[in-house]
Amino acid sequence: MSEADWRAARRVYRFATAAERDAFLAERGWAERAEATDPTRLSGRFRLHLSIGWISWSATVDAEAEGGHVRARLTVRKGDRERSFEVEPPISEWARFVSEMQILGAHRWEVYDTVAFDAPLWKMVHETVGPPVKAGGAGAYPPAGDDECTPEFARMGLAAERLIERAIWGGFRSAKDLKTIPDERDRVEHLLLAALRAWGAEIEEAGTDPGALKEADLERGLAEQLSKLTTCRTQMSVNGRMADWPRVGAVDIELDRPSTWVELKWVETANHLHNCLRDAGKVAQAQREGQAQLGYLVAGAPERQWRRGTAPTRLFDVSVWRGTSLVTEHPSWWTWWHDKNANTYPLRLPTPVITVPVGQVRCAAPTGEEWVVKVARVEAPGTDSYVPPPRRSHDDETAPTPD
């Protein structure tokens, strides 16, 4: 295999829709399209066990899909303490997980023998598409028995974390491991999810009620975790950096290499997610003008608020905002921002604006319901733009009360 072919084989892929993923797999003969679309055929089992003897730590992920239903459990042990979490991911998450395992070539992973004493251990059983795969190692990682955490192994960890919505790496995780992710965009998204999970684990350990937190707590906690992994700045003034939005204010979190803008929201009601509309336009325009290579929305809310289906929750699914729709579908909010201070209103906005879900993290509450923190990538392909209309509307949107 040539160097070019080897690099192509290791490339990280993300899919905006299930159809796009299915077509990709079908072209390569990795799965029958029916298997990827018919929930009753998406059956299988996955088990991953990680342990480090010298700190008496282990984490085990068990997941099983059958008849269109998925059950997954994470068990974490440290010393005499043990914690378990159970989730029932949608079948679409299992389909994505199986697809990622196929792309990673998990069917080629083997058991690596070693005489290392008390080394990091991992064992995997994967029974989805094709024959069952059993693999493992002590201080050695796939695909070739490397003694350093490889991109493939880190990717498998991330895929499993997405499925169970919890952090599993524990003692395995380090800044060096995260940097093994081969694609720049994927590395940034891995960093964001890793930092969110670390922060979520901290507030769970402390018994903190997510409902008592504010957006500033999310910003402070996420920035603290990100700073352990990469260069991170908060509340950076970006006035004057964009010609078509000169008085845009500050960006919540800015990362380097690649330059990334991250906008945060922590809300008790789904209506306040309307504030993410302005943030989506903001990071999209930053990319269009070359001020940021990547842009993300991060928002936390009680689980029931996400289920309400309030319009802005679309920003955290696959969405395409063509023409002026980002503004004209929510005119009362944009009018409010314009009337509050016309000097801070954008002169132009890009079209289309596209959002793609990256992942989510659950924050358990000592009493009451869990909060869910979602991450979405914002993109602004092309060169088209428009002058956003600040007009009043008599639609039936809830009266705006932006932060």
Protein backbone atom coordinates (compact mmCIF):
# COMPACT_ATOMS: atom_id res chain seq x y z
CA MET A 1 0.00 0.00 0.00
CA SER A 2 1.36 3.41 -0.96
CA GLU A 3 1.79 6.22 1.56
CA ALA A 4 -1.10 8.09 -0.08
CA ASP A 5 -3.38 5.04 0.17
CA TRP A 6 -2.38 4.52 3.80
CA ARG A 7 -3.20 8.13 4.67
CA ALA A 8 -6.56 7.85 2.88
CA ALA A 9 -7.38 4.68 4.80
CA ARG A 10 -6.69 6.44 8.11
CA ARG A 11 -8.79 9.48 7.24
CA VAL A 12 -11.59 10.40 9.65
CA TYR A 13 -15.08 10.65 8.15
CA ARG A 14 -18.18 12.41 9.45
CA PHE A 15 -21.61 12.19 7.88
CA ALA A 16 -24.29 14.89 7.89
CA THR A 17 -27.11 12.40 7.25
CA ALA A 18 -27.75 8.70 7.64
CA ALA A 19 -28.19 8.45 3.86
CA GLU A 20 -24.73 9.92 3.30
CA ARG A 21 -23.22 7.40 5.73
CA ASP A 22 -25.11 4.49 4.14
CA ALA A 23 -23.96 5.44 0.66
CA PHE A 24 -20.35 5.67 1.84
CA LEU A 25 -20.49 2.20 3.39
CA ALA A 26 -22.32 0.67 0.45
CA GLU A 27 -19.72 1.97 -2.02
CA ARG A 28 -17.02 0.15 -0.08
CA GLY A 29 -18.98 -3.04 0.47
CA TRP A 30 -18.81 -2.68 4.25
CA ALA A 31 -22.51 -3.17 4.88
CA GLU A 32 -25.70 -3.90 3.08
CA ARG A 33 -27.84 -0.78 2.85
CA ALA A 34 -30.75 -2.70 4.38
CA GLU A 35 -28.64 -3.48 7.44
CA ALA A 36 -27.93 0.23 7.93
CA THR A 37 -31.53 1.37 7.52
CA ASP A 38 -33.75 -1.41 8.90
CA PRO A 39 -33.66 -1.13 12.73
CA THR A 40 -34.67 -4.74 13.22
CA ARG A 41 -31.45 -5.84 11.47
CA LEU A 42 -29.16 -3.59 13.48
CA SER A 43 -28.29 -6.16 16.12
CA GLY A 44 -25.03 -6.93 17.84
CA ARG A 45 -22.95 -6.56 20.98
CA PHE A 46 -19.91 -4.54 21.98
CA ARG A 47 -17.75 -4.79 25.10
CA LEU A 48 -14.68 -2.75 25.92
CA HIS A 49 -12.71 -3.14 29.14
CA LEU A 50 -9.90 -0.77 30.13
CA SER A 51 -7.81 -1.02 33.29
CA ILE A 52 -4.68 0.31 34.92
CA GLY A 53 -3.41 -1.77 37.80
CA TRP A 54 -1.17 0.72 39.56
CA ILE A 55 -4.06 3.12 40.23
CA SER A 56 -6.65 0.34 40.71
CA TRP A 57 -8.85 1.83 37.98
CA SER A 58 -11.02 0.17 35.36
CA ALA A 59 -13.89 1.08 33.03
CA THR A 60 -16.15 -1.32 31.17
CA VAL A 61 -18.60 -0.49 28.40
CA ASP A 62 -21.29 -3.05 27.55
CA ALA A 63 -23.74 -2.34 24.73
CA GLU A 64 -26.23 -4.56 22.95
CA ALA A 65 -28.70 -3.91 20.12
CA GLU A 66 -31.58 -6.20 19.26
CA GLY A 67 -34.94 -5.70 17.58
CA GLY A 68 -34.43 -1.97 17.14
CA HIS A 69 -33.61 -1.34 20.83
CA VAL A 70 -30.21 -0.51 22.34
CA ARG A 71 -29.08 -0.86 25.94
CA ALA A 72 -25.68 0.27 27.16
CA ARG A 73 -23.94 0.36 30.52
CA LEU A 74 -20.74 1.98 31.76
CA THR A 75 -19.14 0.62 34.93
CA VAL A 76 -16.23 2.52 36.48
CA ARG A 77 -14.18 1.18 39.38
CA LYS A 78 -11.47 2.92 41.37
CA GLY A 79 -10.19 1.15 44.41
CA ASP A 80 -13.23 -0.01 46.38
CA ARG A 81 -15.58 2.47 44.68
CA GLU A 82 -17.82 1.48 41.78
CA ARG A 83 -20.26 3.55 39.74
CA SER A 84 -22.57 2.40 36.98
CA PHE A 85 -24.57 4.33 34.38
CA GLU A 86 -27.20 2.90 32.06
CA VAL A 87 -28.54 4.51 28.90
CA GLU A 88 -30.81 3.49 26.02
CA PRO A 89 -29.35 5.23 22.96
CA PRO A 90 -31.51 5.55 19.83
CA ILE A 91 -30.91 2.94 17.16
CA SER A 92 -29.43 5.68 14.96
CA GLU A 93 -26.57 6.08 17.47
CA TRP A 94 -25.88 2.35 17.31
CA ALA A 95 -25.86 2.56 13.50
CA ARG A 96 -23.34 5.39 13.65
CA PHE A 97 -21.22 3.48 16.16
CA VAL A 98 -21.17 0.36 13.97
CA SER A 99 -20.26 2.49 10.95
CA GLU A 100 -17.35 4.09 12.81
CA MET A 101 -16.07 0.71 13.93
CA GLN A 102 -16.14 -0.47 10.32
CA ILE A 103 -14.30 2.63 9.15
CA LEU A 104 -11.69 2.05 11.84
CA GLY A 105 -11.23 -1.50 10.59
CA ALA A 106 -11.97 -3.04 13.98
CA HIS A 107 -12.33 -6.47 12.33
CA ARG A 108 -8.54 -6.43 11.82
CA TRP A 109 -7.62 -5.81 15.46
CA GLU A 110 -5.74 -8.59 17.23
CA VAL A 111 -4.58 -9.64 20.66
CA TYR A 112 -1.09 -8.32 21.42
CA ASP A 113 0.97 -10.35 23.88
CA THR A 114 3.36 -8.59 26.22
CA VAL A 115 5.36 -9.30 29.33
CA ALA A 116 4.97 -5.73 30.63
CA PHE A 117 4.17 -5.67 34.34
CA ASP A 118 1.11 -3.73 35.50
CA ALA A 119 0.73 -2.05 32.12
CA PRO A 120 -2.49 -0.43 30.83
CA LEU A 121 -4.76 -3.25 29.70
CA TRP A 122 -7.60 -3.26 27.16
CA LYS A 123 -9.91 -5.97 25.87
CA MET A 124 -12.59 -5.70 23.19
CA VAL A 125 -15.36 -7.98 21.97
CA HIS A 126 -17.20 -6.68 18.91
CA GLU A 127 -20.11 -8.62 17.43
CA THR A 128 -21.91 -6.50 14.84
CA VAL A 129 -21.29 -6.78 11.09
CA GLY A 130 -19.33 -9.90 10.16
CA PRO A 131 -17.76 -12.50 12.46
CA PRO A 132 -17.11 -11.71 16.14
CA VAL A 133 -13.86 -9.88 16.84
CA LYS A 134 -11.85 -10.35 20.01
CA ALA A 135 -8.83 -8.16 20.62
CA GLY A 136 -6.72 -6.90 23.47
CA GLY A 137 -3.35 -5.83 24.66
CA ALA A 138 -1.18 -4.72 27.58
CA GLY A 139 0.59 -1.47 26.82
CA ALA A 140 0.07 -2.14 23.11
CA TYR A 141 -2.56 -0.60 20.86
CA PRO A 142 -3.96 -1.40 17.42
CA PRO A 143 -3.42 -1.65 14.56
CA ALA A 144 0.17 -2.86 14.90
CA GLY A 145 0.82 -3.31 18.61
CA ASP A 146 2.14 0.22 19.23
CA ASP A 147 3.11 1.13 22.77
CA GLU A 148 1.67 4.65 22.34
CA CYS A 149 -2.05 5.31 22.11
CA THR A 150 -2.84 5.31 18.38
CA PRO A 151 -5.39 7.41 16.44
CA GLU A 152 -7.47 4.28 15.85
CA PHE A 153 -7.65 3.45 19.55
CA ALA A 154 -8.49 7.03 20.51
CA ARG A 155 -11.18 7.06 17.83
CA MET A 156 -12.69 3.87 19.22
CA GLY A 157 -12.81 5.44 22.66
CA LEU A 158 -14.56 8.50 21.28
CA ALA A 159 -17.08 6.35 19.38
CA ALA A 160 -17.89 4.40 22.55
CA GLU A 161 -18.20 7.63 24.56
CA ARG A 162 -20.70 8.99 22.04
CA LEU A 163 -22.78 5.85 22.38
CA ILE A 164 -22.95 5.92 26.19
CA GLU A 165 -22.75 9.72 26.61
CA ARG A 166 -20.17 9.34 29.37
CA ALA A 167 -16.41 9.58 29.74
CA ILE A 168 -14.66 6.21 29.78
CA TRP A 169 -10.99 7.02 29.38
CA GLY A 170 -10.10 7.76 32.98
CA GLY A 171 -6.43 7.00 33.47
CA PHE A 172 -5.95 6.39 29.74
CA ARG A 173 -6.77 9.97 28.84
CA SER A 174 -4.02 12.53 28.38
CA ALA A 175 -3.39 15.53 26.17
CA LYS A 176 -0.96 13.40 24.17
CA ASP A 177 -3.61 10.73 23.53
CA LEU A 178 -6.12 13.32 22.34
CA LYS A 179 -3.59 14.82 19.96
CA THR A 180 -3.28 11.51 18.16
CA ILE A 181 -6.64 12.18 16.46
CA PRO A 182 -5.53 12.58 12.82
CA ASP A 183 -8.00 15.13 11.44
CA GLU A 184 -7.76 18.71 12.77
CA ARG A 185 -11.51 19.24 12.99
CA ASP A 186 -12.05 15.89 14.63
CA ARG A 187 -9.33 16.64 17.15
CA VAL A 188 -11.02 19.91 18.15
CA GLU A 189 -14.34 18.14 18.57
CA HIS A 190 -12.68 15.40 20.61
CA LEU A 191 -11.13 18.08 22.83
CA LEU A 192 -14.50 19.80 23.33
CA LEU A 193 -16.28 16.57 24.24
CA ALA A 194 -13.45 15.41 26.48
CA ALA A 195 -13.41 18.72 28.36
CA LEU A 196 -17.21 18.74 28.73
CA ARG A 197 -17.21 15.20 30.06
CA ALA A 198 -14.45 15.99 32.54
CA TRP A 199 -16.39 19.04 33.77
CA GLY A 200 -19.63 17.04 33.93
CA ALA A 201 -17.89 14.33 35.97
CA GLU A 202 -16.61 16.97 38.40
CA ILE A 203 -20.03 18.47 39.10
CA GLU A 204 -21.52 14.98 39.46
CA GLU A 205 -18.80 13.99 41.96
CA ALA A 206 -19.47 17.19 43.90
CA GLY A 207 -23.21 16.50 43.95
CA THR A 208 -23.89 19.86 42.29
CA ASP A 209 -27.40 20.52 40.96
CA PRO A 210 -27.01 21.62 37.31
CA GLY A 211 -30.11 23.78 37.74
CA ALA A 212 -28.21 25.92 40.25
CA LEU A 213 -25.43 26.70 37.76
CA LYS A 214 -25.13 29.66 35.41
CA GLU A 215 -23.58 30.08 31.98
CA ALA A 216 -20.50 31.55 33.65
CA ASP A 217 -20.01 28.25 35.52
CA LEU A 218 -20.08 26.33 32.24
CA GLU A 219 -17.61 28.75 30.69
CA ARG A 220 -15.24 28.63 33.65
CA GLY A 221 -15.39 24.83 34.00
CA LEU A 222 -15.05 24.11 30.28
CA ALA A 223 -12.18 26.58 29.88
CA GLU A 224 -10.36 25.05 32.85
CA GLN A 225 -10.57 21.59 31.30
CA LEU A 226 -9.68 22.80 27.79
CA SER A 227 -6.64 24.63 29.15
CA LYS A 228 -5.20 21.28 30.21
CA LEU A 229 -5.32 20.15 26.58
CA THR A 230 -4.82 23.19 24.34
CA THR A 231 -4.51 26.99 24.25
CA CYS A 232 -7.80 28.52 25.43
CA ARG A 233 -9.01 32.09 25.96
CA THR A 234 -12.38 33.29 27.29
CA GLN A 235 -14.47 36.39 26.60
CA MET A 236 -12.17 37.61 23.86
CA SER A 237 -13.25 40.90 22.29
CA VAL A 238 -13.54 40.44 18.53
CA ASN A 239 -14.79 43.92 17.69
CA GLY A 240 -13.24 45.17 14.47
CA ARG A 241 -12.17 41.74 13.26
CA MET A 242 -15.10 41.25 10.87
CA ALA A 243 -15.92 43.79 8.16
CA ASP A 244 -19.58 42.74 7.96
CA TRP A 245 -20.09 42.57 11.73
CA PRO A 246 -17.71 45.16 13.18
CA ARG A 247 -19.38 45.46 16.62
CA VAL A 248 -19.97 41.78 17.27
CA GLY A 249 -18.73 41.93 20.89
CA ALA A 250 -16.87 39.02 22.50
CA VAL A 251 -16.56 35.31 21.77
CA ASP A 252 -17.08 33.03 24.78
CA ILE A 253 -14.13 30.70 24.09
CA GLU A 254 -11.42 30.95 21.45
CA LEU A 255 -8.97 28.15 20.67
CA ASP A 256 -5.79 28.14 18.59
CA ARG A 257 -4.39 25.71 16.03
CA PRO A 258 -6.83 25.62 14.33
CA SER A 259 -8.51 28.89 15.26
CA THR A 260 -11.92 28.05 16.70
CA TRP A 261 -14.80 30.12 18.08
CA VAL A 262 -17.09 28.48 20.64
CA GLU A 263 -20.34 30.09 21.85
CA LEU A 264 -22.00 28.83 25.05
CA LYS A 265 -25.50 28.79 26.49
CA TRP A 266 -26.83 27.41 29.79
CA VAL A 267 -30.59 27.82 29.98
CA GLU A 268 -33.50 26.57 32.05
CA THR A 269 -36.08 26.93 29.25
CA ALA A 270 -35.86 26.04 25.58
CA ASN A 271 -37.10 29.51 24.63
CA HIS A 272 -33.77 31.00 25.67
CA LEU A 273 -32.05 28.79 23.09
CA HIS A 274 -33.16 31.44 20.60
CA ASN A 275 -29.96 33.22 21.64
CA CYS A 276 -28.09 30.51 19.74
CA LEU A 277 -29.50 31.93 16.48
CA ARG A 278 -27.34 35.03 16.82
CA ASP A 279 -24.38 32.88 17.89
CA ALA A 280 -24.79 30.67 14.81
CA GLY A 281 -24.68 33.71 12.57
CA LYS A 282 -21.70 35.03 14.50
CA VAL A 283 -19.44 31.99 14.18
CA ALA A 284 -20.60 31.40 10.59
CA GLN A 285 -19.60 34.94 9.62
CA ALA A 286 -16.27 34.51 11.43
CA GLN A 287 -15.51 31.48 9.25
CA ARG A 288 -16.66 33.23 6.09
CA GLU A 289 -14.31 36.16 6.78
CA GLY A 290 -11.39 33.93 7.80
CA GLN A 291 -11.36 34.94 11.46
CA ALA A 292 -12.03 31.35 12.55
CA GLN A 293 -11.48 28.05 10.82
CA LEU A 294 -14.10 26.27 12.94
CA GLY A 295 -17.17 27.37 14.88
CA TYR A 296 -19.28 25.58 17.51
CA LEU A 297 -22.39 26.02 19.64
CA VAL A 298 -22.42 24.43 23.10
CA ALA A 299 -25.69 24.58 25.06
CA GLY A 300 -26.96 22.95 28.23
CA ALA A 301 -30.62 22.63 29.24
CA PRO A 302 -32.88 20.22 31.17
CA GLU A 303 -33.62 17.12 29.11
CA ARG A 304 -37.35 17.89 28.84
CA GLN A 305 -36.56 21.29 27.33
CA TRP A 306 -34.67 19.63 24.48
CA ARG A 307 -37.67 17.35 23.90
CA ARG A 308 -40.06 20.30 23.56
CA GLY A 309 -38.92 20.83 19.99
CA THR A 310 -38.74 24.62 20.27
CA ALA A 311 -37.47 25.92 16.93
CA PRO A 312 -33.85 26.75 17.93
CA THR A 313 -33.25 23.16 19.05
CA ARG A 314 -32.91 22.51 15.29
CA LEU A 315 -29.51 24.18 15.53
CA PHE A 316 -28.25 21.10 17.40
CA ASP A 317 -29.47 18.68 14.73
CA VAL A 318 -28.55 18.57 11.05
CA SER A 319 -30.02 21.83 9.73
CA VAL A 320 -29.57 23.98 6.64
CA TRP A 321 -30.60 27.65 6.79
CA ARG A 322 -30.88 28.84 3.20
CA GLY A 323 -31.46 32.37 1.98
CA THR A 324 -32.49 34.68 4.83
CA SER A 325 -34.20 31.92 6.85
CA LEU A 326 -31.90 32.15 9.88
CA VAL A 327 -33.39 35.63 10.42
CA THR A 328 -36.80 35.56 8.76
CA GLU A 329 -37.98 32.38 10.51
CA HIS A 330 -37.40 34.12 13.87
CA PRO A 331 -38.02 37.81 13.11
CA SER A 332 -39.08 38.98 16.57
CA TRP A 333 -35.77 37.91 18.10
CA TRP A 334 -33.62 39.57 15.44
CA THR A 335 -35.76 42.69 15.65
CA TRP A 336 -35.22 42.75 19.42
CA TRP A 337 -31.44 42.52 18.98
CA HIS A 338 -31.54 45.24 16.33
CA ASP A 339 -33.68 47.61 18.45
CA LYS A 340 -31.62 46.97 21.56
CA ASN A 341 -28.48 48.29 19.84
CA ALA A 342 -28.42 48.72 16.07
CA ASN A 343 -24.65 49.35 16.20
CA THR A 344 -24.07 45.72 17.20
CA TYR A 345 -26.31 44.31 14.45
CA PRO A 346 -24.64 42.48 11.52
CA LEU A 347 -24.33 44.34 8.22
CA ARG A 348 -24.42 41.06 6.29
CA LEU A 349 -24.79 37.37 7.09
CA PRO A 350 -23.65 34.30 5.12
CA THR A 351 -25.98 31.86 3.41
CA PRO A 352 -26.37 28.99 3.76
CA VAL A 353 -25.61 28.36 7.43
CA ILE A 354 -25.36 24.64 8.21
CA THR A 355 -25.26 22.91 11.58
CA VAL A 356 -24.16 19.34 12.32
CA PRO A 357 -24.44 17.60 15.72
CA VAL A 358 -21.10 16.61 17.23
CA GLY A 359 -22.17 14.92 20.48
CA GLN A 360 -23.73 15.45 23.88
CA VAL A 361 -22.92 15.00 27.56
CA ARG A 362 -25.39 14.25 30.34
CA CYS A 363 -25.11 15.90 33.76
CA ALA A 364 -26.95 13.98 36.49
CA ALA A 365 -28.79 15.96 39.15
CA PRO A 366 -28.88 14.85 42.82
CA THR A 367 -32.64 15.33 42.63
CA GLY A 368 -34.75 15.99 39.57
CA GLU A 369 -34.01 15.45 35.92
CA GLU A 370 -30.70 15.30 34.08
CA TRP A 371 -29.35 18.18 32.06
CA VAL A 372 -28.03 17.55 28.58
CA VAL A 373 -25.18 19.58 27.07
CA LYS A 374 -25.16 19.46 23.27
CA VAL A 375 -22.39 20.42 20.84
CA ALA A 376 -23.04 21.42 17.23
CA ARG A 377 -20.64 22.45 14.49
CA VAL A 378 -21.59 25.52 12.40
CA GLU A 379 -20.48 25.85 8.78
CA ALA A 380 -20.92 28.57 6.15
CA PRO A 381 -19.91 27.14 2.76
CA GLY A 382 -19.88 29.20 -0.42
CA THR A 383 -19.68 32.96 -0.92
CA ASP A 384 -23.33 34.15 -0.88
CA SER A 385 -24.55 36.61 1.74
CA TYR A 386 -27.46 38.96 2.44
CA VAL A 387 -28.43 42.06 4.42
CA PRO A 388 -30.42 40.76 7.43
CA PRO A 389 -33.84 42.45 7.65
CA PRO A 390 -34.64 44.04 11.02
CA ARG A 391 -38.42 44.07 10.82
CA ARG A 392 -41.20 43.52 13.31
CA SER A 393 -43.52 40.56 13.08
CA HIS A 394 -46.95 39.59 14.38
CA ASP A 395 -46.13 35.90 14.45
CA ASP A 396 -46.85 33.81 17.52
CA GLU A 397 -43.27 33.39 18.74
CA THR A 398 -42.80 33.73 22.46
CA ALA A 399 -41.81 37.28 23.37
CA PRO A 400 -38.02 37.47 23.41
CA THR A 401 -36.11 37.76 26.65
CA PRO A 402 -32.50 37.28 25.46
CA ASP A 403 -29.64 36.98 27.93
